[in-house]
Amino acid sequence: MDETTQTPQEMKSDKGAAKMAQIIYFLYLATLVIQIAHFVGAVMAYLNKDENSPWIETHFQYQIRTFWMYTLYLIIAAVTAFAGVGVFVFLCAAVWLVIRCATGMKYLYREQAVPNPTTWLW
């Protein structure tokens, strides 16, 4: 969004929401060490997804989608662990999560919307 058309209150609100989106990306990365961080990040994304500028709302939508897809990948990893490929699936999911968070943060720092927040890739 063009900052020249925003009121000072809207700019302050955008900065706060952008900071929250940044915290959620870091929580998602922290989930590789502390699993509960993933759920905390998802709750925060759901609580902050509305009443923001459209470009920030795409980040929260992207983060919510990331939560559900990563959870699905973890379930697949658990189910396939008995076949011996669960560790490989988990490692692929972890790499996917890191790339997805890095991509989201790149757009966040540029103050741009995520181009396709519903994608399964990054």
PDB file of N, CA and C in Angstrom:
ATOM      1  N   MET A   1       0.847  -1.167   0.000  1.00  0.00           N
ATOM      2  CA  MET A   1       0.000   0.000   0.000  1.00  0.00           C
ATOM      3  C   MET A   1       0.892   1.230   0.000  1.00  0.00           C
ATOM      4  N   ASP A   2       0.498   2.236  -0.701  1.00  0.00           N
ATOM      5  CA  ASP A   2       1.255   3.480  -0.786  1.00  0.00           C
ATOM      6  C   ASP A   2       1.134   4.229   0.527  1.00  0.00           C
ATOM      7  N   GLU A   3       2.275   4.549   1.154  1.00  0.00           N
ATOM      8  CA  GLU A   3       2.252   5.204   2.454  1.00  0.00           C
ATOM      9  C   GLU A   3       1.724   6.628   2.384  1.00  0.00           C
ATOM     10  N   THR A   4       1.741   7.255   1.209  1.00  0.00           N
ATOM     11  CA  THR A   4       1.258   8.628   1.108  1.00  0.00           C
ATOM     12  C   THR A   4      -0.250   8.717   1.248  1.00  0.00           C
ATOM     13  N   THR A   5      -0.963   7.617   1.040  1.00  0.00           N
ATOM     14  CA  THR A   5      -2.417   7.639   1.150  1.00  0.00           C
ATOM     15  C   THR A   5      -2.901   7.152   2.513  1.00  0.00           C
ATOM     16  N   GLN A   6      -1.982   6.796   3.401  1.00  0.00           N
ATOM     17  CA  GLN A   6      -2.352   6.298   4.706  1.00  0.00           C
ATOM     18  C   GLN A   6      -2.288   7.400   5.757  1.00  0.00           C
ATOM     19  N   THR A   7      -3.160   7.288   6.714  1.00  0.00           N
ATOM     20  CA  THR A   7      -3.094   8.203   7.848  1.00  0.00           C
ATOM     21  C   THR A   7      -1.977   7.734   8.775  1.00  0.00           C
ATOM     22  N   PRO A   8      -1.485   8.598   9.661  1.00  0.00           N
ATOM     23  CA  PRO A   8      -0.456   8.165  10.612  1.00  0.00           C
ATOM     24  C   PRO A   8      -0.896   6.979  11.467  1.00  0.00           C
ATOM     25  N   GLN A   9      -2.175   6.932  11.822  1.00  0.00           N
ATOM     26  CA  GLN A   9      -2.681   5.812  12.618  1.00  0.00           C
ATOM     27  C   GLN A   9      -2.610   4.508  11.828  1.00  0.00           C
ATOM     28  N   GLU A  10      -2.950   4.565  10.528  1.00  0.00           N
ATOM     29  CA  GLU A  10      -2.881   3.370   9.688  1.00  0.00           C
ATOM     30  C   GLU A  10      -1.443   2.909   9.515  1.00  0.00           C
ATOM     31  N   MET A  11      -0.506   3.838   9.360  1.00  0.00           N
ATOM     32  CA  MET A  11       0.900   3.464   9.222  1.00  0.00           C
ATOM     33  C   MET A  11       1.400   2.799  10.503  1.00  0.00           C
ATOM     34  N   LYS A  12       0.993   3.320  11.656  1.00  0.00           N
ATOM     35  CA  LYS A  12       1.381   2.737  12.932  1.00  0.00           C
ATOM     36  C   LYS A  12       0.794   1.343  13.064  1.00  0.00           C
ATOM     37  N   SER A  13      -0.470   1.182  12.661  1.00  0.00           N
ATOM     38  CA  SER A  13      -1.130  -0.112  12.709  1.00  0.00           C
ATOM     39  C   SER A  13      -0.433  -1.119  11.794  1.00  0.00           C
ATOM     40  N   ASP A  14      -0.046  -0.681  10.591  1.00  0.00           N
ATOM     41  CA  ASP A  14       0.668  -1.550   9.657  1.00  0.00           C
ATOM     42  C   ASP A  14       1.992  -2.009  10.242  1.00  0.00           C
ATOM     43  N   LYS A  15       2.705  -1.115  10.885  1.00  0.00           N
ATOM     44  CA  LYS A  15       3.999  -1.474  11.474  1.00  0.00           C
ATOM     45  C   LYS A  15       3.825  -2.484  12.592  1.00  0.00           C
ATOM     46  N   GLY A  16       2.780  -2.312  13.401  1.00  0.00           N
ATOM     47  CA  GLY A  16       2.506  -3.275  14.468  1.00  0.00           C
ATOM     48  C   GLY A  16       2.123  -4.639  13.921  1.00  0.00           C
ATOM     49  N   ALA A  17       1.282  -4.647  12.899  1.00  0.00           N
ATOM     50  CA  ALA A  17       0.866  -5.906  12.282  1.00  0.00           C
ATOM     51  C   ALA A  17       2.043  -6.575  11.573  1.00  0.00           C
ATOM     52  N   ALA A  18       2.892  -5.777  10.939  1.00  0.00           N
ATOM     53  CA  ALA A  18       4.073  -6.331  10.275  1.00  0.00           C
ATOM     54  C   ALA A  18       5.017  -6.944  11.303  1.00  0.00           C
ATOM     55  N   LYS A  19       5.152  -6.303  12.451  1.00  0.00           N
ATOM     56  CA  LYS A  19       5.993  -6.844  13.525  1.00  0.00           C
ATOM     57  C   LYS A  19       5.422  -8.165  14.017  1.00  0.00           C
ATOM     58  N   MET A  20       4.101  -8.235  14.147  1.00  0.00           N
ATOM     59  CA  MET A  20       3.451  -9.478  14.572  1.00  0.00           C
ATOM     60  C   MET A  20       3.686 -10.580  13.539  1.00  0.00           C
ATOM     61  N   ALA A  21       3.580 -10.256  12.261  1.00  0.00           N
ATOM     62  CA  ALA A  21       3.827 -11.246  11.213  1.00  0.00           C
ATOM     63  C   ALA A  21       5.274 -11.737  11.279  1.00  0.00           C
ATOM     64  N   GLN A  22       6.193 -10.830  11.551  1.00  0.00           N
ATOM     65  CA  GLN A  22       7.602 -11.208  11.679  1.00  0.00           C
ATOM     66  C   GLN A  22       7.789 -12.169  12.863  1.00  0.00           C
ATOM     67  N   ILE A  23       7.159 -11.891  13.979  1.00  0.00           N
ATOM     68  CA  ILE A  23       7.251 -12.762  15.151  1.00  0.00           C
ATOM     69  C   ILE A  23       6.717 -14.148  14.823  1.00  0.00           C
ATOM     70  N   ILE A  24       5.619 -14.203  14.078  1.00  0.00           N
ATOM     71  CA  ILE A  24       5.037 -15.496  13.715  1.00  0.00           C
ATOM     72  C   ILE A  24       5.982 -16.281  12.813  1.00  0.00           C
ATOM     73  N   TYR A  25       6.622 -15.620  11.857  1.00  0.00           N
ATOM     74  CA  TYR A  25       7.607 -16.319  11.019  1.00  0.00           C
ATOM     75  C   TYR A  25       8.723 -16.905  11.880  1.00  0.00           C
ATOM     76  N   PHE A  26       9.201 -16.137  12.862  1.00  0.00           N
ATOM     77  CA  PHE A  26      10.258 -16.640  13.742  1.00  0.00           C
ATOM     78  C   PHE A  26       9.763 -17.785  14.625  1.00  0.00           C
ATOM     79  N   LEU A  27       8.519 -17.716  15.063  1.00  0.00           N
ATOM     80  CA  LEU A  27       7.958 -18.833  15.831  1.00  0.00           C
ATOM     81  C   LEU A  27       7.892 -20.098  14.980  1.00  0.00           C
ATOM     82  N   TYR A  28       7.527 -19.940  13.725  1.00  0.00           N
ATOM     83  CA  TYR A  28       7.487 -21.104  12.838  1.00  0.00           C
ATOM     84  C   TYR A  28       8.876 -21.701  12.665  1.00  0.00           C
ATOM     85  N   LEU A  29       9.888 -20.875  12.581  1.00  0.00           N
ATOM     86  CA  LEU A  29      11.250 -21.393  12.484  1.00  0.00           C
ATOM     87  C   LEU A  29      11.674 -22.053  13.795  1.00  0.00           C
ATOM     88  N   ALA A  30      11.224 -21.497  14.905  1.00  0.00           N
ATOM     89  CA  ALA A  30      11.558 -22.069  16.212  1.00  0.00           C
ATOM     90  C   ALA A  30      10.917 -23.428  16.413  1.00  0.00           C
ATOM     91  N   THR A  31       9.887 -23.732  15.648  1.00  0.00           N
ATOM     92  CA  THR A  31       9.217 -25.023  15.799  1.00  0.00           C
ATOM     93  C   THR A  31      10.131 -26.186  15.438  1.00  0.00           C
ATOM     94  N   LEU A  32      11.216 -25.924  14.745  1.00  0.00           N
ATOM     95  CA  LEU A  32      12.167 -26.991  14.434  1.00  0.00           C
ATOM     96  C   LEU A  32      12.894 -27.452  15.695  1.00  0.00           C
ATOM     97  N   VAL A  33      12.870 -26.615  16.735  1.00  0.00           N
ATOM     98  CA  VAL A  33      13.501 -26.962  18.007  1.00  0.00           C
ATOM     99  C   VAL A  33      12.453 -27.208  19.087  1.00  0.00           C
ATOM    100  N   ILE A  34      11.415 -26.362  19.121  1.00  0.00           N
ATOM    101  CA  ILE A  34      10.366 -26.440  20.140  1.00  0.00           C
ATOM    102  C   ILE A  34       9.026 -26.570  19.409  1.00  0.00           C
ATOM    103  N   GLN A  35       8.456 -27.761  19.395  1.00  0.00           N
ATOM    104  CA  GLN A  35       7.262 -28.025  18.592  1.00  0.00           C
ATOM    105  C   GLN A  35       6.061 -27.152  18.953  1.00  0.00           C
ATOM    106  N   ILE A  36       5.905 -26.771  20.181  1.00  0.00           N
ATOM    107  CA  ILE A  36       4.746 -25.973  20.592  1.00  0.00           C
ATOM    108  C   ILE A  36       4.740 -24.595  19.937  1.00  0.00           C
ATOM    109  N   ALA A  37       5.896 -24.093  19.513  1.00  0.00           N
ATOM    110  CA  ALA A  37       5.988 -22.768  18.889  1.00  0.00           C
ATOM    111  C   ALA A  37       5.133 -22.694  17.624  1.00  0.00           C
ATOM    112  N   HIS A  38       5.010 -23.802  16.926  1.00  0.00           N
ATOM    113  CA  HIS A  38       4.213 -23.875  15.707  1.00  0.00           C
ATOM    114  C   HIS A  38       2.745 -23.560  16.002  1.00  0.00           C
ATOM    115  N   PHE A  39       2.238 -24.129  17.067  1.00  0.00           N
ATOM    116  CA  PHE A  39       0.843 -23.904  17.443  1.00  0.00           C
ATOM    117  C   PHE A  39       0.618 -22.489  17.963  1.00  0.00           C
ATOM    118  N   VAL A  40       1.559 -21.977  18.727  1.00  0.00           N
ATOM    119  CA  VAL A  40       1.463 -20.605  19.228  1.00  0.00           C
ATOM    120  C   VAL A  40       1.433 -19.631  18.052  1.00  0.00           C
ATOM    121  N   GLY A  41       2.297 -19.842  17.060  1.00  0.00           N
ATOM    122  CA  GLY A  41       2.318 -18.992  15.872  1.00  0.00           C
ATOM    123  C   GLY A  41       1.003 -19.031  15.112  1.00  0.00           C
ATOM    124  N   ALA A  42       0.413 -20.211  15.010  1.00  0.00           N
ATOM    125  CA  ALA A  42      -0.854 -20.337  14.295  1.00  0.00           C
ATOM    126  C   ALA A  42      -1.970 -19.594  15.014  1.00  0.00           C
ATOM    127  N   VAL A  43      -2.017 -19.703  16.323  1.00  0.00           N
ATOM    128  CA  VAL A  43      -3.034 -18.982  17.094  1.00  0.00           C
ATOM    129  C   VAL A  43      -2.860 -17.481  16.896  1.00  0.00           C
ATOM    130  N   MET A  44      -1.627 -17.018  16.946  1.00  0.00           N
ATOM    131  CA  MET A  44      -1.361 -15.591  16.754  1.00  0.00           C
ATOM    132  C   MET A  44      -1.762 -15.142  15.350  1.00  0.00           C
ATOM    133  N   ALA A  45      -1.515 -15.972  14.348  1.00  0.00           N
ATOM    134  CA  ALA A  45      -1.900 -15.628  12.976  1.00  0.00           C
ATOM    135  C   ALA A  45      -3.415 -15.539  12.842  1.00  0.00           C
ATOM    136  N   TYR A  46      -4.130 -16.488  13.441  1.00  0.00           N
ATOM    137  CA  TYR A  46      -5.588 -16.443  13.392  1.00  0.00           C
ATOM    138  C   TYR A  46      -6.138 -15.206  14.097  1.00  0.00           C
ATOM    139  N   LEU A  47      -5.541 -14.838  15.221  1.00  0.00           N
ATOM    140  CA  LEU A  47      -6.020 -13.677  15.968  1.00  0.00           C
ATOM    141  C   LEU A  47      -5.752 -12.353  15.259  1.00  0.00           C
ATOM    142  N   ASN A  48      -4.749 -12.317  14.398  1.00  0.00           N
ATOM    143  CA  ASN A  48      -4.349 -11.066  13.752  1.00  0.00           C
ATOM    144  C   ASN A  48      -4.685 -10.993  12.271  1.00  0.00           C
ATOM    145  N   LYS A  49      -5.420 -11.958  11.744  1.00  0.00           N
ATOM    146  CA  LYS A  49      -5.619 -12.023  10.300  1.00  0.00           C
ATOM    147  C   LYS A  49      -6.558 -10.967   9.728  1.00  0.00           C
ATOM    148  N   ASP A  50      -7.400 -10.362  10.546  1.00  0.00           N
ATOM    149  CA  ASP A  50      -8.383  -9.401  10.045  1.00  0.00           C
ATOM    150  C   ASP A  50      -8.020  -7.975  10.426  1.00  0.00           C
ATOM    151  N   GLU A  51      -8.657  -7.044   9.753  1.00  0.00           N
ATOM    152  CA  GLU A  51      -8.557  -5.613  10.062  1.00  0.00           C
ATOM    153  C   GLU A  51      -7.150  -5.054   9.901  1.00  0.00           C
ATOM    154  N   ASN A  52      -6.466  -5.471   8.877  1.00  0.00           N
ATOM    155  CA  ASN A  52      -5.149  -4.936   8.535  1.00  0.00           C
ATOM    156  C   ASN A  52      -5.159  -4.504   7.079  1.00  0.00           C
ATOM    157  N   SER A  53      -4.078  -3.901   6.666  1.00  0.00           N
ATOM    158  CA  SER A  53      -3.941  -3.574   5.248  1.00  0.00           C
ATOM    159  C   SER A  53      -3.919  -4.872   4.444  1.00  0.00           C
ATOM    160  N   PRO A  54      -4.411  -4.832   3.226  1.00  0.00           N
ATOM    161  CA  PRO A  54      -4.466  -6.057   2.416  1.00  0.00           C
ATOM    162  C   PRO A  54      -3.116  -6.759   2.264  1.00  0.00           C
ATOM    163  N   TRP A  55      -2.032  -5.997   2.145  1.00  0.00           N
ATOM    164  CA  TRP A  55      -0.733  -6.652   1.956  1.00  0.00           C
ATOM    165  C   TRP A  55      -0.309  -7.424   3.199  1.00  0.00           C
ATOM    166  N   ILE A  56      -0.688  -6.963   4.368  1.00  0.00           N
ATOM    167  CA  ILE A  56      -0.343  -7.688   5.598  1.00  0.00           C
ATOM    168  C   ILE A  56      -1.273  -8.882   5.784  1.00  0.00           C
ATOM    169  N   GLU A  57      -2.530  -8.742   5.405  1.00  0.00           N
ATOM    170  CA  GLU A  57      -3.465  -9.857   5.513  1.00  0.00           C
ATOM    171  C   GLU A  57      -2.992 -11.054   4.703  1.00  0.00           C
ATOM    172  N   THR A  58      -2.325 -10.814   3.570  1.00  0.00           N
ATOM    173  CA  THR A  58      -1.804 -11.942   2.786  1.00  0.00           C
ATOM    174  C   THR A  58      -0.741 -12.708   3.566  1.00  0.00           C
ATOM    175  N   HIS A  59       0.022 -12.015   4.401  1.00  0.00           N
ATOM    176  CA  HIS A  59       1.036 -12.696   5.209  1.00  0.00           C
ATOM    177  C   HIS A  59       0.388 -13.603   6.255  1.00  0.00           C
ATOM    178  N   PHE A  60      -0.654 -13.113   6.903  1.00  0.00           N
ATOM    179  CA  PHE A  60      -1.335 -13.946   7.894  1.00  0.00           C
ATOM    180  C   PHE A  60      -2.013 -15.137   7.220  1.00  0.00           C
ATOM    181  N   GLN A  61      -2.590 -14.931   6.047  1.00  0.00           N
ATOM    182  CA  GLN A  61      -3.195 -16.037   5.302  1.00  0.00           C
ATOM    183  C   GLN A  61      -2.116 -17.063   4.926  1.00  0.00           C
ATOM    184  N   TYR A  62      -0.977 -16.593   4.491  1.00  0.00           N
ATOM    185  CA  TYR A  62       0.164 -17.439   4.127  1.00  0.00           C
ATOM    186  C   TYR A  62       0.637 -18.232   5.349  1.00  0.00           C
ATOM    187  N   GLN A  63       0.672 -17.587   6.502  1.00  0.00           N
ATOM    188  CA  GLN A  63       1.129 -18.250   7.719  1.00  0.00           C
ATOM    189  C   GLN A  63       0.127 -19.304   8.189  1.00  0.00           C
ATOM    190  N   ILE A  64      -1.143 -19.008   8.081  1.00  0.00           N
ATOM    191  CA  ILE A  64      -2.161 -19.988   8.462  1.00  0.00           C
ATOM    192  C   ILE A  64      -2.081 -21.199   7.534  1.00  0.00           C
ATOM    193  N   ARG A  65      -1.928 -20.938   6.264  1.00  0.00           N
ATOM    194  CA  ARG A  65      -1.793 -22.033   5.293  1.00  0.00           C
ATOM    195  C   ARG A  65      -0.531 -22.851   5.582  1.00  0.00           C
ATOM    196  N   THR A  66       0.545 -22.164   5.946  1.00  0.00           N
ATOM    197  CA  THR A  66       1.795 -22.842   6.288  1.00  0.00           C
ATOM    198  C   THR A  66       1.587 -23.771   7.478  1.00  0.00           C
ATOM    199  N   PHE A  67       0.874 -23.299   8.479  1.00  0.00           N
ATOM    200  CA  PHE A  67       0.597 -24.123   9.657  1.00  0.00           C
ATOM    201  C   PHE A  67      -0.100 -25.416   9.264  1.00  0.00           C
ATOM    202  N   TRP A  68      -1.167 -25.318   8.493  1.00  0.00           N
ATOM    203  CA  TRP A  68      -1.942 -26.512   8.163  1.00  0.00           C
ATOM    204  C   TRP A  68      -1.168 -27.464   7.255  1.00  0.00           C
ATOM    205  N   MET A  69      -0.422 -26.929   6.312  1.00  0.00           N
ATOM    206  CA  MET A  69       0.349 -27.810   5.430  1.00  0.00           C
ATOM    207  C   MET A  69       1.487 -28.493   6.194  1.00  0.00           C
ATOM    208  N   TYR A  70       2.181 -27.745   7.056  1.00  0.00           N
ATOM    209  CA  TYR A  70       3.265 -28.336   7.835  1.00  0.00           C
ATOM    210  C   TYR A  70       2.716 -29.410   8.777  1.00  0.00           C
ATOM    211  N   THR A  71       1.550 -29.163   9.357  1.00  0.00           N
ATOM    212  CA  THR A  71       0.920 -30.169  10.210  1.00  0.00           C
ATOM    213  C   THR A  71       0.604 -31.425   9.399  1.00  0.00           C
ATOM    214  N   LEU A  72       0.095 -31.250   8.196  1.00  0.00           N
ATOM    215  CA  LEU A  72      -0.170 -32.391   7.316  1.00  0.00           C
ATOM    216  C   LEU A  72       1.121 -33.157   7.017  1.00  0.00           C
ATOM    217  N   TYR A  73       2.203 -32.435   6.719  1.00  0.00           N
ATOM    218  CA  TYR A  73       3.484 -33.089   6.438  1.00  0.00           C
ATOM    219  C   TYR A  73       3.993 -33.850   7.648  1.00  0.00           C
ATOM    220  N   LEU A  74       3.781 -33.320   8.859  1.00  0.00           N
ATOM    221  CA  LEU A  74       4.201 -34.022  10.070  1.00  0.00           C
ATOM    222  C   LEU A  74       3.401 -35.304  10.269  1.00  0.00           C
ATOM    223  N   ILE A  75       2.111 -35.247   9.954  1.00  0.00           N
ATOM    224  CA  ILE A  75       1.281 -36.450  10.059  1.00  0.00           C
ATOM    225  C   ILE A  75       1.749 -37.495   9.058  1.00  0.00           C
ATOM    226  N   ILE A  76       2.031 -37.065   7.841  1.00  0.00           N
ATOM    227  CA  ILE A  76       2.543 -37.998   6.823  1.00  0.00           C
ATOM    228  C   ILE A  76       3.873 -38.591   7.269  1.00  0.00           C
ATOM    229  N   ALA A  77       4.741 -37.769   7.859  1.00  0.00           N
ATOM    230  CA  ALA A  77       6.033 -38.265   8.350  1.00  0.00           C
ATOM    231  C   ALA A  77       5.827 -39.303   9.451  1.00  0.00           C
ATOM    232  N   ALA A  78       4.866 -39.064  10.346  1.00  0.00           N
ATOM    233  CA  ALA A  78       4.603 -40.017  11.427  1.00  0.00           C
ATOM    234  C   ALA A  78       4.055 -41.337  10.884  1.00  0.00           C
ATOM    235  N   VAL A  79       3.158 -41.243   9.910  1.00  0.00           N
ATOM    236  CA  VAL A  79       2.560 -42.450   9.338  1.00  0.00           C
ATOM    237  C   VAL A  79       3.596 -43.250   8.557  1.00  0.00           C
ATOM    238  N   THR A  80       4.453 -42.570   7.837  1.00  0.00           N
ATOM    239  CA  THR A  80       5.454 -43.267   7.018  1.00  0.00           C
ATOM    240  C   THR A  80       6.706 -43.654   7.808  1.00  0.00           C
ATOM    241  N   ALA A  81       6.758 -43.296   9.074  1.00  0.00           N
ATOM    242  CA  ALA A  81       7.917 -43.669   9.898  1.00  0.00           C
ATOM    243  C   ALA A  81       8.044 -45.185   9.996  1.00  0.00           C
ATOM    244  N   PHE A  82       6.915 -45.882   9.993  1.00  0.00           N
ATOM    245  CA  PHE A  82       6.939 -47.338  10.075  1.00  0.00           C
ATOM    246  C   PHE A  82       7.537 -47.966   8.818  1.00  0.00           C
ATOM    247  N   ALA A  83       7.453 -47.272   7.703  1.00  0.00           N
ATOM    248  CA  ALA A  83       8.014 -47.773   6.451  1.00  0.00           C
ATOM    249  C   ALA A  83       9.473 -47.350   6.292  1.00  0.00           C
ATOM    250  N   GLY A  84       9.970 -46.570   7.236  1.00  0.00           N
ATOM    251  CA  GLY A  84      11.373 -46.166   7.190  1.00  0.00           C
ATOM    252  C   GLY A  84      11.648 -44.888   6.428  1.00  0.00           C
ATOM    253  N   VAL A  85      10.627 -44.232   5.916  1.00  0.00           N
ATOM    254  CA  VAL A  85      10.846 -42.994   5.163  1.00  0.00           C
ATOM    255  C   VAL A  85      10.367 -41.758   5.916  1.00  0.00           C
ATOM    256  N   GLY A  86       9.865 -41.960   7.109  1.00  0.00           N
ATOM    257  CA  GLY A  86       9.333 -40.850   7.894  1.00  0.00           C
ATOM    258  C   GLY A  86      10.373 -39.786   8.206  1.00  0.00           C
ATOM    259  N   VAL A  87      11.596 -40.198   8.480  1.00  0.00           N
ATOM    260  CA  VAL A  87      12.658 -39.229   8.779  1.00  0.00           C
ATOM    261  C   VAL A  87      12.944 -38.378   7.541  1.00  0.00           C
ATOM    262  N   PHE A  88      12.961 -39.002   6.386  1.00  0.00           N
ATOM    263  CA  PHE A  88      13.188 -38.263   5.139  1.00  0.00           C
ATOM    264  C   PHE A  88      12.051 -37.276   4.889  1.00  0.00           C
ATOM    265  N   VAL A  89      10.823 -37.705   5.114  1.00  0.00           N
ATOM    266  CA  VAL A  89       9.667 -36.822   4.931  1.00  0.00           C
ATOM    267  C   VAL A  89       9.749 -35.653   5.908  1.00  0.00           C
ATOM    268  N   PHE A  90      10.118 -35.933   7.162  1.00  0.00           N
ATOM    269  CA  PHE A  90      10.253 -34.866   8.145  1.00  0.00           C
ATOM    270  C   PHE A  90      11.343 -33.872   7.731  1.00  0.00           C
ATOM    271  N   LEU A  91      12.481 -34.350   7.262  1.00  0.00           N
ATOM    272  CA  LEU A  91      13.558 -33.454   6.827  1.00  0.00           C
ATOM    273  C   LEU A  91      13.119 -32.595   5.641  1.00  0.00           C
ATOM    274  N   CYS A  92      12.404 -33.193   4.708  1.00  0.00           N
ATOM    275  CA  CYS A  92      11.882 -32.415   3.571  1.00  0.00           C
ATOM    276  C   CYS A  92      10.888 -31.360   4.048  1.00  0.00           C
ATOM    277  N   ALA A  93      10.048 -31.716   5.014  1.00  0.00           N
ATOM    278  CA  ALA A  93       9.085 -30.753   5.560  1.00  0.00           C
ATOM    279  C   ALA A  93       9.801 -29.617   6.280  1.00  0.00           C
ATOM    280  N   ALA A  94      10.870 -29.933   6.985  1.00  0.00           N
ATOM    281  CA  ALA A  94      11.635 -28.901   7.696  1.00  0.00           C
ATOM    282  C   ALA A  94      12.285 -27.930   6.710  1.00  0.00           C
ATOM    283  N   VAL A  95      12.850 -28.455   5.645  1.00  0.00           N
ATOM    284  CA  VAL A  95      13.447 -27.598   4.614  1.00  0.00           C
ATOM    285  C   VAL A  95      12.368 -26.745   3.960  1.00  0.00           C
ATOM    286  N   TRP A  96      11.226 -27.349   3.662  1.00  0.00           N
ATOM    287  CA  TRP A  96      10.096 -26.620   3.077  1.00  0.00           C
ATOM    288  C   TRP A  96       9.671 -25.476   3.985  1.00  0.00           C
ATOM    289  N   LEU A  97       9.598 -25.730   5.299  1.00  0.00           N
ATOM    290  CA  LEU A  97       9.187 -24.705   6.266  1.00  0.00           C
ATOM    291  C   LEU A  97      10.177 -23.545   6.299  1.00  0.00           C
ATOM    292  N   VAL A  98      11.458 -23.849   6.306  1.00  0.00           N
ATOM    293  CA  VAL A  98      12.476 -22.796   6.335  1.00  0.00           C
ATOM    294  C   VAL A  98      12.390 -21.934   5.079  1.00  0.00           C
ATOM    295  N   ILE A  99      12.267 -22.560   3.920  1.00  0.00           N
ATOM    296  CA  ILE A  99      12.177 -21.806   2.665  1.00  0.00           C
ATOM    297  C   ILE A  99      10.912 -20.962   2.637  1.00  0.00           C
ATOM    298  N   ARG A 100       9.827 -21.530   3.100  1.00  0.00           N
ATOM    299  CA  ARG A 100       8.553 -20.797   3.099  1.00  0.00           C
ATOM    300  C   ARG A 100       8.608 -19.589   4.037  1.00  0.00           C
ATOM    301  N   CYS A 101       9.193 -19.748   5.204  1.00  0.00           N
ATOM    302  CA  CYS A 101       9.326 -18.616   6.134  1.00  0.00           C
ATOM    303  C   CYS A 101      10.272 -17.553   5.574  1.00  0.00           C
ATOM    304  N   ALA A 102      11.361 -17.984   4.975  1.00  0.00           N
ATOM    305  CA  ALA A 102      12.301 -17.024   4.389  1.00  0.00           C
ATOM    306  C   ALA A 102      11.643 -16.241   3.254  1.00  0.00           C
ATOM    307  N   THR A 103      10.844 -16.927   2.447  1.00  0.00           N
ATOM    308  CA  THR A 103      10.127 -16.251   1.359  1.00  0.00           C
ATOM    309  C   THR A 103       9.132 -15.239   1.911  1.00  0.00           C
ATOM    310  N   GLY A 104       8.387 -15.637   2.925  1.00  0.00           N
ATOM    311  CA  GLY A 104       7.425 -14.725   3.538  1.00  0.00           C
ATOM    312  C   GLY A 104       8.098 -13.508   4.148  1.00  0.00           C
ATOM    313  N   MET A 105       9.218 -13.729   4.839  1.00  0.00           N
ATOM    314  CA  MET A 105       9.938 -12.606   5.451  1.00  0.00           C
ATOM    315  C   MET A 105      10.520 -11.673   4.396  1.00  0.00           C
ATOM    316  N   LYS A 106      10.918 -12.233   3.268  1.00  0.00           N
ATOM    317  CA  LYS A 106      11.441 -11.389   2.187  1.00  0.00           C
ATOM    318  C   LYS A 106      10.375 -10.393   1.739  1.00  0.00           C
ATOM    319  N   TYR A 107       9.166 -10.886   1.517  1.00  0.00           N
ATOM    320  CA  TYR A 107       8.076  -9.990   1.112  1.00  0.00           C
ATOM    321  C   TYR A 107       7.678  -9.038   2.241  1.00  0.00           C
ATOM    322  N   LEU A 108       7.739  -9.511   3.467  1.00  0.00           N
ATOM    323  CA  LEU A 108       7.385  -8.667   4.609  1.00  0.00           C
ATOM    324  C   LEU A 108       8.356  -7.494   4.739  1.00  0.00           C
ATOM    325  N   TYR A 109       9.639  -7.750   4.623  1.00  0.00           N
ATOM    326  CA  TYR A 109      10.631  -6.682   4.740  1.00  0.00           C
ATOM    327  C   TYR A 109      10.526  -5.671   3.603  1.00  0.00           C
ATOM    328  N   ARG A 110      10.042  -6.126   2.459  1.00  0.00           N
ATOM    329  CA  ARG A 110       9.840  -5.219   1.325  1.00  0.00           C
ATOM    330  C   ARG A 110       8.483  -4.519   1.385  1.00  0.00           C
ATOM    331  N   GLU A 111       7.707  -4.852   2.410  1.00  0.00           N
ATOM    332  CA  GLU A 111       6.343  -4.338   2.584  1.00  0.00           C
ATOM    333  C   GLU A 111       5.480  -4.638   1.366  1.00  0.00           C
ATOM    334  N   GLN A 112       5.579  -5.878   0.911  1.00  0.00           N
ATOM    335  CA  GLN A 112       4.807  -6.353  -0.229  1.00  0.00           C
ATOM    336  C   GLN A 112       3.896  -7.496   0.204  1.00  0.00           C
ATOM    337  N   ALA A 113       2.830  -7.661  -0.529  1.00  0.00           N
ATOM    338  CA  ALA A 113       1.933  -8.793  -0.288  1.00  0.00           C
ATOM    339  C   ALA A 113       2.596 -10.077  -0.769  1.00  0.00           C
ATOM    340  N   VAL A 114       2.216 -11.176  -0.162  1.00  0.00           N
ATOM    341  CA  VAL A 114       2.651 -12.479  -0.659  1.00  0.00           C
ATOM    342  C   VAL A 114       1.881 -12.704  -1.958  1.00  0.00           C
ATOM    343  N   PRO A 115       2.593 -12.943  -3.082  1.00  0.00           N
ATOM    344  CA  PRO A 115       1.892 -13.030  -4.375  1.00  0.00           C
ATOM    345  C   PRO A 115       0.800 -14.094  -4.433  1.00  0.00           C
ATOM    346  N   ASN A 116       1.049 -15.270  -3.880  1.00  0.00           N
ATOM    347  CA  ASN A 116       0.055 -16.335  -3.910  1.00  0.00           C
ATOM    348  C   ASN A 116       0.040 -17.006  -2.534  1.00  0.00           C
ATOM    349  N   PRO A 117      -0.701 -16.461  -1.579  1.00  0.00           N
ATOM    350  CA  PRO A 117      -0.647 -17.002  -0.220  1.00  0.00           C
ATOM    351  C   PRO A 117      -1.247 -18.387  -0.049  1.00  0.00           C
ATOM    352  N   THR A 118      -1.945 -18.899  -1.058  1.00  0.00           N
ATOM    353  CA  THR A 118      -2.551 -20.220  -0.939  1.00  0.00           C
ATOM    354  C   THR A 118      -1.735 -21.303  -1.633  1.00  0.00           C
ATOM    355  N   THR A 119      -0.559 -20.992  -2.095  1.00  0.00           N
ATOM    356  CA  THR A 119       0.250 -21.974  -2.800  1.00  0.00           C
ATOM    357  C   THR A 119       0.737 -23.074  -1.858  1.00  0.00           C
ATOM    358  N   TRP A 120       0.984 -24.247  -2.404  1.00  0.00           N
ATOM    359  CA  TRP A 120       1.531 -25.359  -1.635  1.00  0.00           C
ATOM    360  C   TRP A 120       3.057 -25.295  -1.635  1.00  0.00           C
ATOM    361  N   LEU A 121       3.608 -24.496  -2.484  1.00  0.00           N
ATOM    362  CA  LEU A 121       5.069 -24.391  -2.553  1.00  0.00           C
ATOM    363  C   LEU A 121       5.531 -23.237  -1.684  1.00  0.00           C
ATOM    364  N   TRP A 122       6.357 -22.382  -2.202  1.00  0.00           N
ATOM    365  CA  TRP A 122       6.836 -21.239  -1.444  1.00  0.00           C
ATOM    366  C   TRP A 122       6.786 -20.038  -2.285  1.00  0.00           C
TER     367      TRP A 122
END
